[in-house]
C-alpha atoms as a PDB file:
ATOM      1  CA  MET A   1       8.116 -10.326  11.547  1.00  0.00           C
ATOM      2  CA  LYS A   2       9.968 -11.755   8.694  1.00  0.00           C
ATOM      3  CA  LYS A   3      11.712 -10.319   5.677  1.00  0.00           C
ATOM      4  CA  GLY A   4      10.825 -11.760   2.298  1.00  0.00           C
ATOM      5  CA  ASP A   5       7.616 -13.719   2.812  1.00  0.00           C
ATOM      6  CA  ALA A   6       4.473 -14.082   0.673  1.00  0.00           C
ATOM      7  CA  LEU A   7       3.074 -10.719   1.811  1.00  0.00           C
ATOM      8  CA  ASP A   8       6.293  -8.831   1.235  1.00  0.00           C
ATOM      9  CA  PRO A   9       8.362 -10.879  -1.242  1.00  0.00           C
ATOM     10  CA  LYS A  10      11.179  -8.327  -1.590  1.00  0.00           C
ATOM     11  CA  GLY A  11      11.085  -7.246   2.050  1.00  0.00           C
ATOM     12  CA  LEU A  12      10.289  -3.669   1.006  1.00  0.00           C
ATOM     13  CA  ILE A  13       7.724  -2.940   3.696  1.00  0.00           C
ATOM     14  CA  TYR A  14       9.878  -4.655   6.315  1.00  0.00           C
ATOM     15  CA  GLU A  15      12.895  -2.526   5.407  1.00  0.00           C
ATOM     16  CA  SER A  16      10.902   0.729   5.267  1.00  0.00           C
ATOM     17  CA  TYR A  17      10.119   0.399   8.966  1.00  0.00           C
ATOM     18  CA  ARG A  18      13.824   0.138   9.725  1.00  0.00           C
ATOM     19  CA  ILE A  19      14.929   3.294   7.914  1.00  0.00           C
ATOM     20  CA  ASP A  20      15.391   6.152  10.383  1.00  0.00           C
ATOM     21  CA  GLY A  21      13.830   9.408   9.265  1.00  0.00           C
ATOM     22  CA  ILE A  22      12.071   7.974   6.213  1.00  0.00           C
ATOM     23  CA  SER A  23       9.602  10.408   4.678  1.00  0.00           C
ATOM     24  CA  ALA A  24       6.019   9.818   3.560  1.00  0.00           C
ATOM     25  CA  SER A  25       7.110  10.491  -0.018  1.00  0.00           C
ATOM     26  CA  GLU A  26       9.771   7.791   0.187  1.00  0.00           C
ATOM     27  CA  CYS A  27       7.205   5.426   1.722  1.00  0.00           C
ATOM     28  CA  ARG A  28       4.801   6.068  -1.174  1.00  0.00           C
ATOM     29  CA  THR A  29       7.536   5.120  -3.640  1.00  0.00           C
ATOM     30  CA  ILE A  30       8.320   1.948  -1.705  1.00  0.00           C
ATOM     31  CA  PHE A  31       4.608   1.130  -1.391  1.00  0.00           C
ATOM     32  CA  LEU A  32       4.127   1.473  -5.152  1.00  0.00           C
ATOM     33  CA  ASP A  33       7.086  -0.828  -5.807  1.00  0.00           C
ATOM     34  CA  TRP A  34       5.623  -3.307  -3.308  1.00  0.00           C
ATOM     35  CA  ALA A  35       2.184  -3.160  -4.934  1.00  0.00           C
ATOM     36  CA  LEU A  36       3.626  -3.717  -8.405  1.00  0.00           C
ATOM     37  CA  SER A  37       5.580  -6.752  -7.187  1.00  0.00           C
ATOM     38  CA  LEU A  38       2.584  -8.581  -5.704  1.00  0.00           C
ATOM     39  CA  PRO A  39       1.950 -11.932  -7.360  1.00  0.00           C
ATOM     40  CA  GLU A  40      -0.885 -11.990  -9.868  1.00  0.00           C
ATOM     41  CA  GLY A  41      -4.153 -12.916  -8.235  1.00  0.00           C
ATOM     42  CA  GLN A  42      -3.163 -11.858  -4.730  1.00  0.00           C
ATOM     43  CA  ASP A  43      -5.793  -9.725  -3.013  1.00  0.00           C
ATOM     44  CA  SER A  44      -3.967  -6.454  -2.431  1.00  0.00           C
ATOM     45  CA  ARG A  45      -6.551  -5.189   0.070  1.00  0.00           C
ATOM     46  CA  ASP A  46      -6.087  -8.283   2.221  1.00  0.00           C
ATOM     47  CA  ALA A  47      -2.302  -8.009   1.931  1.00  0.00           C
ATOM     48  CA  ILE A  48      -2.344  -4.363   3.050  1.00  0.00           C
ATOM     49  CA  LEU A  49      -4.596  -5.170   6.004  1.00  0.00           C
ATOM     50  CA  ARG A  50      -2.301  -7.984   7.086  1.00  0.00           C
ATOM     51  CA  LEU A  51       0.800  -5.778   6.763  1.00  0.00           C
ATOM     52  CA  ILE A  52      -0.845  -3.022   8.807  1.00  0.00           C
ATOM     53  CA  ASP A  53      -1.683  -5.651  11.406  1.00  0.00           C
ATOM     54  CA  ARG A  54       1.904  -6.907  11.344  1.00  0.00           C
ATOM     55  CA  TYR A  55       3.719  -3.550  11.561  1.00  0.00           C
ATOM     56  CA  GLY A  56       1.188  -0.817  12.314  1.00  0.00           C
ATOM     57  CA  GLY A  57       0.489  -1.807  15.907  1.00  0.00           C
ATOM     58  CA  ASP A  58       4.089  -1.218  16.920  1.00  0.00           C
ATOM     59  CA  ALA A  59       4.455   1.884  14.736  1.00  0.00           C
ATOM     60  CA  PRO A  60       1.061   3.579  14.320  1.00  0.00           C
ATOM     61  CA  ASP A  61       2.647   6.961  13.518  1.00  0.00           C
ATOM     62  CA  HIS A  62       5.217   5.634  11.050  1.00  0.00           C
ATOM     63  CA  PRO A  63       4.876   7.142   7.543  1.00  0.00           C
ATOM     64  CA  MET A  64       4.524   3.662   5.984  1.00  0.00           C
ATOM     65  CA  THR A  65       1.590   2.855   8.261  1.00  0.00           C
ATOM     66  CA  GLN A  66      -0.056   6.081   7.120  1.00  0.00           C
ATOM     67  CA  VAL A  67       0.676   5.343   3.453  1.00  0.00           C
ATOM     68  CA  MET A  68      -0.836   1.859   3.724  1.00  0.00           C
ATOM     69  CA  ARG A  69      -3.947   3.279   5.409  1.00  0.00           C
ATOM     70  CA  GLU A  70      -4.236   5.851   2.619  1.00  0.00           C
ATOM     71  CA  GLY A  71      -3.949   2.993   0.123  1.00  0.00           C
ATOM     72  CA  LEU A  72      -6.910   1.261   1.736  1.00  0.00           C
ATOM     73  CA  GLU A  73      -8.941   4.469   1.676  1.00  0.00           C
ATOM     74  CA  GLN A  74      -8.208   4.929  -2.025  1.00  0.00           C
ATOM     75  CA  MET A  75      -9.426   1.384  -2.697  1.00  0.00           C
ATOM     76  CA  ASP A  76     -12.702   2.076  -0.874  1.00  0.00           C
ATOM     77  CA  ARG A  77     -13.530   5.278  -2.763  1.00  0.00           C
ATOM     78  CA  PRO A  78     -15.686   4.886  -5.839  1.00  0.00           C
ATOM     79  CA  ARG A  79     -13.970   6.021  -8.997  1.00  0.00           C
ATOM     80  CA  ARG A  80     -15.673   8.565 -11.157  1.00  0.00           C
ATOM     81  CA  ARG A  81     -15.506   8.056 -14.849  1.00  0.00           C
ATOM     82  CA  GLY A  82     -15.591  11.494 -16.345  1.00  0.00           C
ATOM     83  CA  GLY A  83     -14.894  13.101 -19.639  1.00  0.00           C
ATOM     84  CA  TRP A  84     -16.423  12.159 -22.930  1.00  0.00           C
ATOM     85  CA  ARG A  85     -17.164   8.547 -21.908  1.00  0.00           C
ATOM     86  CA  SER A  86     -19.669   9.619 -19.270  1.00  0.00           C
ATOM     87  CA  ARG A  87     -21.606  11.978 -21.541  1.00  0.00           C
ATOM     88  CA  PRO A  88     -24.754  10.812 -23.322  1.00  0.00           C
ATOM     89  CA  ARG A  89     -24.317  10.165 -27.010  1.00  0.00           C
ATOM     90  CA  ASP A  90     -26.859  11.032 -29.701  1.00  0.00           C
END
């Protein structure tokens, strides 16, 4: 486990696991910052899976582990395009 590598350039995920009493809300904020700082072209799904593998095994109930799992679930759900764009036009 290393701070500041290709998967976690700023060490955000690493540090989140070291904060006592961190909340799920705080983890979501950190996760968003992490996601926005990923290098262009990096597969975010793969990065999340690797981070869960790195940290989640030792801390399966940690809020960040849960947030990363939720992130994966959100990626797997199809997105509905609603509103006027989905309606037939005459």
